[in-house]
PDB file of all heavy atoms in Angstrom:
ATOM      1  N   TYR A   1     -12.884 -32.683  10.921  1.00  0.00           N
ATOM      2  CA  TYR A   1     -12.529 -33.926  10.269  1.00  0.00           C
ATOM      3  C   TYR A   1     -13.387 -34.106   9.046  1.00  0.00           C
ATOM      4  O   TYR A   1     -12.889 -34.519   7.955  1.00  0.00           O
ATOM      5  CB  TYR A   1     -12.583 -35.092  11.252  1.00  0.00           C
ATOM      6  CG  TYR A   1     -12.220 -36.378  10.546  1.00  0.00           C
ATOM      7  CD1 TYR A   1     -10.872 -36.751  10.308  1.00  0.00           C
ATOM      8  CD2 TYR A   1     -13.236 -37.301  10.172  1.00  0.00           C
ATOM      9  CE1 TYR A   1     -10.557 -37.908   9.642  1.00  0.00           C
ATOM     10  CE2 TYR A   1     -12.856 -38.474   9.537  1.00  0.00           C
ATOM     11  CZ  TYR A   1     -11.539 -38.815   9.294  1.00  0.00           C
ATOM     12  OH  TYR A   1     -11.278 -39.921   8.704  1.00  0.00           O
ATOM     13  N   GLN A   2     -14.722 -33.871   9.236  1.00  0.00           N
ATOM     14  CA  GLN A   2     -15.625 -34.078   8.114  1.00  0.00           C
ATOM     15  C   GLN A   2     -15.372 -33.120   6.945  1.00  0.00           C
ATOM     16  O   GLN A   2     -15.486 -33.455   5.843  1.00  0.00           O
ATOM     17  CB  GLN A   2     -17.105 -33.990   8.692  1.00  0.00           C
ATOM     18  CG  GLN A   2     -18.173 -34.320   7.595  1.00  0.00           C
ATOM     19  CD  GLN A   2     -19.543 -34.203   8.205  1.00  0.00           C
ATOM     20  OE1 GLN A   2     -19.673 -33.738   9.269  1.00  0.00           O
ATOM     21  NE2 GLN A   2     -20.466 -34.765   7.493  1.00  0.00           N
ATOM     22  N   ALA A   3     -15.061 -31.902   7.302  1.00  0.00           N
ATOM     23  CA  ALA A   3     -14.888 -30.880   6.362  1.00  0.00           C
ATOM     24  C   ALA A   3     -13.614 -31.245   5.495  1.00  0.00           C
ATOM     25  O   ALA A   3     -13.609 -30.868   4.261  1.00  0.00           O
ATOM     26  CB  ALA A   3     -14.729 -29.521   6.938  1.00  0.00           C
ATOM     27  N   LYS A   4     -12.591 -31.824   6.092  1.00  0.00           N
ATOM     28  CA  LYS A   4     -11.356 -32.087   5.378  1.00  0.00           C
ATOM     29  C   LYS A   4     -11.463 -33.367   4.608  1.00  0.00           C
ATOM     30  O   LYS A   4     -10.803 -33.493   3.526  1.00  0.00           O
ATOM     31  CB  LYS A   4     -10.210 -32.247   6.407  1.00  0.00           C
ATOM     32  CG  LYS A   4      -9.835 -30.869   7.010  1.00  0.00           C
ATOM     33  CD  LYS A   4      -8.660 -31.040   7.980  1.00  0.00           C
ATOM     34  CE  LYS A   4      -8.289 -29.808   8.643  1.00  0.00           C
ATOM     35  NZ  LYS A   4      -7.299 -30.012   9.762  1.00  0.00           N
ATOM     36  N   ASN A   5     -12.150 -34.395   5.133  1.00  0.00           N
ATOM     37  CA  ASN A   5     -11.994 -35.745   4.550  1.00  0.00           C
ATOM     38  C   ASN A   5     -13.194 -36.330   3.898  1.00  0.00           C
ATOM     39  O   ASN A   5     -13.230 -37.442   3.487  1.00  0.00           O
ATOM     40  CB  ASN A   5     -11.510 -36.680   5.674  1.00  0.00           C
ATOM     41  CG  ASN A   5     -10.235 -36.304   6.259  1.00  0.00           C
ATOM     42  OD1 ASN A   5      -9.353 -35.798   5.558  1.00  0.00           O
ATOM     43  ND2 ASN A   5      -9.998 -36.481   7.438  1.00  0.00           N
ATOM     44  N   SER A   6     -14.340 -35.580   3.871  1.00  0.00           N
ATOM     45  CA  SER A   6     -15.580 -36.096   3.305  1.00  0.00           C
ATOM     46  C   SER A   6     -15.664 -35.875   1.773  1.00  0.00           C
ATOM     47  O   SER A   6     -15.640 -34.743   1.342  1.00  0.00           O
ATOM     48  CB  SER A   6     -16.797 -35.566   4.023  1.00  0.00           C
ATOM     49  OG  SER A   6     -18.003 -36.101   3.468  1.00  0.00           O
ATOM     50  N   ALA A   7     -15.739 -36.932   1.073  1.00  0.00           N
ATOM     51  CA  ALA A   7     -15.867 -36.840  -0.421  1.00  0.00           C
ATOM     52  C   ALA A   7     -17.301 -36.665  -0.823  1.00  0.00           C
ATOM     53  O   ALA A   7     -17.637 -36.247  -1.927  1.00  0.00           O
ATOM     54  CB  ALA A   7     -15.248 -38.010  -1.051  1.00  0.00           C
ATOM     55  N   LYS A   8     -18.271 -36.954   0.111  1.00  0.00           N
ATOM     56  CA  LYS A   8     -19.711 -36.947  -0.193  1.00  0.00           C
ATOM     57  C   LYS A   8     -20.369 -35.577  -0.015  1.00  0.00           C
ATOM     58  O   LYS A   8     -21.454 -35.402  -0.483  1.00  0.00           O
ATOM     59  CB  LYS A   8     -20.525 -37.913   0.726  1.00  0.00           C
ATOM     60  CG  LYS A   8     -20.051 -39.345   0.357  1.00  0.00           C
ATOM     61  CD  LYS A   8     -20.837 -40.289   1.409  1.00  0.00           C
ATOM     62  CE  LYS A   8     -20.427 -41.691   1.230  1.00  0.00           C
ATOM     63  NZ  LYS A   8     -21.159 -42.577   2.074  1.00  0.00           N
ATOM     64  N   MET A   9     -19.601 -34.619   0.468  1.00  0.00           N
ATOM     65  CA  MET A   9     -20.113 -33.276   0.757  1.00  0.00           C
ATOM     66  C   MET A   9     -19.997 -32.461  -0.614  1.00  0.00           C
ATOM     67  O   MET A   9     -19.001 -32.512  -1.288  1.00  0.00           O
ATOM     68  CB  MET A   9     -19.440 -32.584   1.880  1.00  0.00           C
ATOM     69  CG  MET A   9     -19.663 -33.198   3.243  1.00  0.00           C
ATOM     70  SD  MET A   9     -18.655 -32.376   4.509  1.00  0.00           S
ATOM     71  CE  MET A   9     -19.379 -30.781   4.510  1.00  0.00           C
ATOM     72  N   ASN A  10     -20.997 -31.656  -0.830  1.00  0.00           N
ATOM     73  CA  ASN A  10     -20.899 -30.689  -1.891  1.00  0.00           C
ATOM     74  C   ASN A  10     -20.224 -29.385  -1.410  1.00  0.00           C
ATOM     75  O   ASN A  10     -19.945 -29.197  -0.201  1.00  0.00           O
ATOM     76  CB  ASN A  10     -22.242 -30.391  -2.604  1.00  0.00           C
ATOM     77  CG  ASN A  10     -23.211 -29.854  -1.610  1.00  0.00           C
ATOM     78  OD1 ASN A  10     -22.899 -29.315  -0.622  1.00  0.00           O
ATOM     79  ND2 ASN A  10     -24.480 -29.995  -1.917  1.00  0.00           N
ATOM     80  N   ASP A  11     -19.997 -28.387  -2.277  1.00  0.00           N
ATOM     81  CA  ASP A  11     -19.245 -27.306  -1.939  1.00  0.00           C
ATOM     82  C   ASP A  11     -19.929 -26.420  -0.999  1.00  0.00           C
ATOM     83  O   ASP A  11     -19.384 -25.753  -0.101  1.00  0.00           O
ATOM     84  CB  ASP A  11     -18.800 -26.530  -3.202  1.00  0.00           C
ATOM     85  CG  ASP A  11     -17.738 -27.205  -4.050  1.00  0.00           C
ATOM     86  OD1 ASP A  11     -17.120 -28.071  -3.495  1.00  0.00           O
ATOM     87  OD2 ASP A  11     -17.710 -26.904  -5.261  1.00  0.00           O
ATOM     88  N   ILE A  12     -21.270 -26.355  -1.128  1.00  0.00           N
ATOM     89  CA  ILE A  12     -22.122 -25.491  -0.175  1.00  0.00           C
ATOM     90  C   ILE A  12     -22.021 -25.945   1.268  1.00  0.00           C
ATOM     91  O   ILE A  12     -21.870 -25.244   2.183  1.00  0.00           O
ATOM     92  CB  ILE A  12     -23.507 -25.428  -0.672  1.00  0.00           C
ATOM     93  CG1 ILE A  12     -23.553 -24.736  -2.079  1.00  0.00           C
ATOM     94  CG2 ILE A  12     -24.387 -24.667   0.249  1.00  0.00           C
ATOM     95  CD1 ILE A  12     -24.880 -24.809  -2.783  1.00  0.00           C
ATOM     96  N   GLU A  13     -22.150 -27.316   1.421  1.00  0.00           N
ATOM     97  CA  GLU A  13     -22.111 -27.885   2.755  1.00  0.00           C
ATOM     98  C   GLU A  13     -20.731 -27.706   3.335  1.00  0.00           C
ATOM     99  O   GLU A  13     -20.611 -27.373   4.511  1.00  0.00           O
ATOM    100  CB  GLU A  13     -22.492 -29.330   2.758  1.00  0.00           C
ATOM    101  CG  GLU A  13     -23.842 -29.650   2.384  1.00  0.00           C
ATOM    102  CD  GLU A  13     -24.113 -31.120   2.112  1.00  0.00           C
ATOM    103  OE1 GLU A  13     -23.152 -31.869   1.882  1.00  0.00           O
ATOM    104  OE2 GLU A  13     -25.325 -31.493   2.161  1.00  0.00           O
ATOM    105  N   ARG A  14     -19.650 -27.902   2.568  1.00  0.00           N
ATOM    106  CA  ARG A  14     -18.316 -27.692   3.055  1.00  0.00           C
ATOM    107  C   ARG A  14     -18.059 -26.263   3.433  1.00  0.00           C
ATOM    108  O   ARG A  14     -17.379 -26.066   4.441  1.00  0.00           O
ATOM    109  CB  ARG A  14     -17.342 -28.250   1.972  1.00  0.00           C
ATOM    110  CG  ARG A  14     -15.879 -28.202   2.403  1.00  0.00           C
ATOM    111  CD  ARG A  14     -14.999 -28.879   1.494  1.00  0.00           C
ATOM    112  NE  ARG A  14     -15.048 -30.392   1.574  1.00  0.00           N
ATOM    113  CZ  ARG A  14     -15.452 -31.177   0.594  1.00  0.00           C
ATOM    114  NH1 ARG A  14     -15.766 -30.731  -0.521  1.00  0.00           N
ATOM    115  NH2 ARG A  14     -15.599 -32.467   0.824  1.00  0.00           N
ATOM    116  N   MET A  15     -18.511 -25.328   2.665  1.00  0.00           N
ATOM    117  CA  MET A  15     -18.364 -23.929   2.946  1.00  0.00           C
ATOM    118  C   MET A  15     -19.111 -23.522   4.233  1.00  0.00           C
ATOM    119  O   MET A  15     -18.574 -22.743   5.084  1.00  0.00           O
ATOM    120  CB  MET A  15     -18.856 -23.048   1.844  1.00  0.00           C
ATOM    121  CG  MET A  15     -18.642 -21.618   1.994  1.00  0.00           C
ATOM    122  SD  MET A  15     -16.903 -21.146   2.121  1.00  0.00           S
ATOM    123  CE  MET A  15     -16.335 -21.342   0.441  1.00  0.00           C
ATOM    124  N   ALA A  16     -20.290 -24.124   4.509  1.00  0.00           N
ATOM    125  CA  ALA A  16     -20.968 -23.771   5.745  1.00  0.00           C
ATOM    126  C   ALA A  16     -20.258 -24.361   6.931  1.00  0.00           C
ATOM    127  O   ALA A  16     -20.191 -23.661   7.963  1.00  0.00           O
ATOM    128  CB  ALA A  16     -22.413 -24.437   5.578  1.00  0.00           C
ATOM    129  N   LEU A  17     -19.640 -25.493   6.825  1.00  0.00           N
ATOM    130  CA  LEU A  17     -18.864 -26.096   7.945  1.00  0.00           C
ATOM    131  C   LEU A  17     -17.716 -25.154   8.201  1.00  0.00           C
ATOM    132  O   LEU A  17     -17.269 -24.957   9.379  1.00  0.00           O
ATOM    133  CB  LEU A  17     -18.445 -27.522   7.644  1.00  0.00           C
ATOM    134  CG  LEU A  17     -19.395 -28.581   8.038  1.00  0.00           C
ATOM    135  CD1 LEU A  17     -18.914 -29.974   7.648  1.00  0.00           C
ATOM    136  CD2 LEU A  17     -19.759 -28.512   9.478  1.00  0.00           C
ATOM    137  N   HIS A  18     -16.934 -24.781   7.054  1.00  0.00           N
ATOM    138  CA  HIS A  18     -15.742 -23.934   7.306  1.00  0.00           C
ATOM    139  C   HIS A  18     -16.081 -22.620   7.845  1.00  0.00           C
ATOM    140  O   HIS A  18     -15.350 -22.054   8.633  1.00  0.00           O
ATOM    141  CB  HIS A  18     -15.038 -23.720   5.902  1.00  0.00           C
ATOM    142  CG  HIS A  18     -14.219 -24.904   5.512  1.00  0.00           C
ATOM    143  ND1 HIS A  18     -13.066 -25.239   6.169  1.00  0.00           N
ATOM    144  CD2 HIS A  18     -14.291 -25.665   4.493  1.00  0.00           C
ATOM    145  CE1 HIS A  18     -12.467 -26.201   5.635  1.00  0.00           C
ATOM    146  NE2 HIS A  18     -13.200 -26.657   4.580  1.00  0.00           N
ATOM    147  N   MET A  19     -17.288 -22.083   7.522  1.00  0.00           N
ATOM    148  CA  MET A  19     -17.667 -20.819   8.095  1.00  0.00           C
ATOM    149  C   MET A  19     -17.969 -20.962   9.647  1.00  0.00           C
ATOM    150  O   MET A  19     -17.579 -20.117  10.414  1.00  0.00           O
ATOM    151  CB  MET A  19     -18.953 -20.250   7.414  1.00  0.00           C
ATOM    152  CG  MET A  19     -18.686 -19.734   6.047  1.00  0.00           C
ATOM    153  SD  MET A  19     -20.105 -19.192   5.129  1.00  0.00           S
ATOM    154  CE  MET A  19     -20.923 -18.105   6.265  1.00  0.00           C
ATOM    155  N   ALA A  20     -18.543 -22.051  10.021  1.00  0.00           N
ATOM    156  CA  ALA A  20     -18.783 -22.225  11.415  1.00  0.00           C
ATOM    157  C   ALA A  20     -17.450 -22.544  12.230  1.00  0.00           C
ATOM    158  O   ALA A  20     -17.288 -22.001  13.349  1.00  0.00           O
ATOM    159  CB  ALA A  20     -19.659 -23.479  11.736  1.00  0.00           C
ATOM    160  N   ILE A  21     -16.537 -23.174  11.681  1.00  0.00           N
ATOM    161  CA  ILE A  21     -15.282 -23.491  12.245  1.00  0.00           C
ATOM    162  C   ILE A  21     -14.459 -22.166  12.373  1.00  0.00           C
ATOM    163  O   ILE A  21     -13.848 -21.909  13.377  1.00  0.00           O
ATOM    164  CB  ILE A  21     -14.586 -24.583  11.539  1.00  0.00           C
ATOM    165  CG1 ILE A  21     -15.285 -25.873  11.673  1.00  0.00           C
ATOM    166  CG2 ILE A  21     -13.094 -24.710  11.954  1.00  0.00           C
ATOM    167  CD1 ILE A  21     -14.786 -26.946  10.723  1.00  0.00           C
ATOM    168  N   GLU A  22     -14.387 -21.402  11.237  1.00  0.00           N
ATOM    169  CA  GLU A  22     -13.672 -20.130  11.254  1.00  0.00           C
ATOM    170  C   GLU A  22     -14.259 -19.181  12.192  1.00  0.00           C
ATOM    171  O   GLU A  22     -13.505 -18.452  12.863  1.00  0.00           O
ATOM    172  CB  GLU A  22     -13.522 -19.539   9.823  1.00  0.00           C
ATOM    173  CG  GLU A  22     -12.656 -20.289   8.904  1.00  0.00           C
ATOM    174  CD  GLU A  22     -12.655 -19.717   7.499  1.00  0.00           C
ATOM    175  OE1 GLU A  22     -13.146 -18.656   7.364  1.00  0.00           O
ATOM    176  OE2 GLU A  22     -12.062 -20.364   6.655  1.00  0.00           O
ATOM    177  N   ASP A  23     -15.559 -19.143  12.303  1.00  0.00           N
ATOM    178  CA  ASP A  23     -16.247 -18.273  13.283  1.00  0.00           C
ATOM    179  C   ASP A  23     -15.845 -18.540  14.716  1.00  0.00           C
ATOM    180  O   ASP A  23     -15.624 -17.674  15.570  1.00  0.00           O
ATOM    181  CB  ASP A  23     -17.803 -18.323  13.080  1.00  0.00           C
ATOM    182  CG  ASP A  23     -18.482 -17.280  13.885  1.00  0.00           C
ATOM    183  OD1 ASP A  23     -17.956 -16.169  14.002  1.00  0.00           O
ATOM    184  OD2 ASP A  23     -19.598 -17.530  14.340  1.00  0.00           O
ATOM    185  N   PHE A  24     -15.586 -19.817  14.956  1.00  0.00           N
ATOM    186  CA  PHE A  24     -15.211 -20.255  16.314  1.00  0.00           C
ATOM    187  C   PHE A  24     -13.864 -19.781  16.651  1.00  0.00           C
ATOM    188  O   PHE A  24     -13.461 -19.261  17.644  1.00  0.00           O
ATOM    189  CB  PHE A  24     -15.301 -21.735  16.461  1.00  0.00           C
ATOM    190  CG  PHE A  24     -14.627 -22.258  17.733  1.00  0.00           C
ATOM    191  CD1 PHE A  24     -15.315 -22.110  18.933  1.00  0.00           C
ATOM    192  CD2 PHE A  24     -13.448 -22.870  17.670  1.00  0.00           C
ATOM    193  CE1 PHE A  24     -14.746 -22.613  20.116  1.00  0.00           C
ATOM    194  CE2 PHE A  24     -12.905 -23.317  18.871  1.00  0.00           C
ATOM    195  CZ  PHE A  24     -13.567 -23.204  20.110  1.00  0.00           C
ATOM    196  N   TYR A  25     -12.876 -20.061  15.715  1.00  0.00           N
ATOM    197  CA  TYR A  25     -11.462 -19.696  15.907  1.00  0.00           C
ATOM    198  C   TYR A  25     -11.167 -18.184  15.844  1.00  0.00           C
ATOM    199  O   TYR A  25     -10.168 -17.733  16.429  1.00  0.00           O
ATOM    200  CB  TYR A  25     -10.539 -20.412  14.883  1.00  0.00           C
ATOM    201  CG  TYR A  25     -10.445 -21.849  15.204  1.00  0.00           C
ATOM    202  CD1 TYR A  25     -10.872 -22.830  14.387  1.00  0.00           C
ATOM    203  CD2 TYR A  25      -9.804 -22.286  16.363  1.00  0.00           C
ATOM    204  CE1 TYR A  25     -10.697 -24.191  14.741  1.00  0.00           C
ATOM    205  CE2 TYR A  25      -9.647 -23.577  16.745  1.00  0.00           C
ATOM    206  CZ  TYR A  25     -10.043 -24.521  15.913  1.00  0.00           C
ATOM    207  OH  TYR A  25      -9.930 -25.857  16.207  1.00  0.00           O
ATOM    208  N   GLU A  26     -12.064 -17.398  15.242  1.00  0.00           N
ATOM    209  CA  GLU A  26     -11.847 -15.938  15.254  1.00  0.00           C
ATOM    210  C   GLU A  26     -12.444 -15.254  16.486  1.00  0.00           C
ATOM    211  O   GLU A  26     -12.213 -14.057  16.654  1.00  0.00           O
ATOM    212  CB  GLU A  26     -12.469 -15.336  13.960  1.00  0.00           C
ATOM    213  CG  GLU A  26     -11.742 -15.738  12.741  1.00  0.00           C
ATOM    214  CD  GLU A  26     -12.366 -15.213  11.441  1.00  0.00           C
ATOM    215  OE1 GLU A  26     -13.471 -14.589  11.535  1.00  0.00           O
ATOM    216  OE2 GLU A  26     -11.787 -15.449  10.325  1.00  0.00           O
ATOM    217  N   ALA A  27     -13.221 -15.910  17.249  1.00  0.00           N
ATOM    218  CA  ALA A  27     -13.810 -15.364  18.470  1.00  0.00           C
ATOM    219  C   ALA A  27     -12.778 -15.221  19.580  1.00  0.00           C
ATOM    220  O   ALA A  27     -11.757 -15.874  19.581  1.00  0.00           O
ATOM    221  CB  ALA A  27     -14.988 -16.231  18.901  1.00  0.00           C
ATOM    222  N   ASN A  28     -13.112 -14.335  20.424  1.00  0.00           N
ATOM    223  CA  ASN A  28     -12.259 -14.124  21.664  1.00  0.00           C
ATOM    224  C   ASN A  28     -12.593 -15.223  22.683  1.00  0.00           C
ATOM    225  O   ASN A  28     -13.361 -16.147  22.362  1.00  0.00           O
ATOM    226  CB  ASN A  28     -12.417 -12.772  22.278  1.00  0.00           C
ATOM    227  CG  ASN A  28     -13.904 -12.488  22.695  1.00  0.00           C
ATOM    228  OD1 ASN A  28     -14.694 -13.356  22.634  1.00  0.00           O
ATOM    229  ND2 ASN A  28     -14.141 -11.222  23.172  1.00  0.00           N
ATOM    230  N   PHE A  29     -12.006 -15.184  23.844  1.00  0.00           N
ATOM    231  CA  PHE A  29     -12.195 -16.376  24.821  1.00  0.00           C
ATOM    232  C   PHE A  29     -13.633 -16.539  25.203  1.00  0.00           C
ATOM    233  O   PHE A  29     -14.126 -17.665  25.196  1.00  0.00           O
ATOM    234  CB  PHE A  29     -11.401 -16.059  26.067  1.00  0.00           C
ATOM    235  CG  PHE A  29     -11.506 -17.153  27.083  1.00  0.00           C
ATOM    236  CD1 PHE A  29     -10.876 -18.329  26.981  1.00  0.00           C
ATOM    237  CD2 PHE A  29     -12.271 -16.905  28.276  1.00  0.00           C
ATOM    238  CE1 PHE A  29     -10.956 -19.400  27.867  1.00  0.00           C
ATOM    239  CE2 PHE A  29     -12.398 -17.934  29.174  1.00  0.00           C
ATOM    240  CZ  PHE A  29     -11.728 -19.168  28.961  1.00  0.00           C
ATOM    241  N   ALA A  30     -14.316 -15.470  25.479  1.00  0.00           N
ATOM    242  CA  ALA A  30     -15.730 -15.585  25.938  1.00  0.00           C
ATOM    243  C   ALA A  30     -16.574 -16.129  24.767  1.00  0.00           C
ATOM    244  O   ALA A  30     -17.532 -16.920  24.918  1.00  0.00           O
ATOM    245  CB  ALA A  30     -16.263 -14.245  26.451  1.00  0.00           C
ATOM    246  N   GLY A  31     -16.299 -15.691  23.551  1.00  0.00           N
ATOM    247  CA  GLY A  31     -17.002 -16.150  22.425  1.00  0.00           C
ATOM    248  C   GLY A  31     -16.834 -17.650  22.172  1.00  0.00           C
ATOM    249  O   GLY A  31     -17.665 -18.382  21.810  1.00  0.00           O
ATOM    250  N   LYS A  32     -15.612 -18.094  22.406  1.00  0.00           N
ATOM    251  CA  LYS A  32     -15.310 -19.544  22.251  1.00  0.00           C
ATOM    252  C   LYS A  32     -16.032 -20.317  23.265  1.00  0.00           C
ATOM    253  O   LYS A  32     -16.591 -21.403  23.040  1.00  0.00           O
ATOM    254  CB  LYS A  32     -13.812 -19.787  22.329  1.00  0.00           C
ATOM    255  CG  LYS A  32     -13.049 -19.279  21.067  1.00  0.00           C
ATOM    256  CD  LYS A  32     -11.561 -19.598  21.210  1.00  0.00           C
ATOM    257  CE  LYS A  32     -10.942 -19.098  20.027  1.00  0.00           C
ATOM    258  NZ  LYS A  32      -9.429 -19.309  19.966  1.00  0.00           N
TER     259      LYS A  32
END
């Protein structure tokens, strides 16, 4: 929610959040 709707975040912080979120969704069941 914060990555999509926060106007106070700069691009570096938003990219770090997106990387953590994508890393979660690309993992297999045990990784999740």
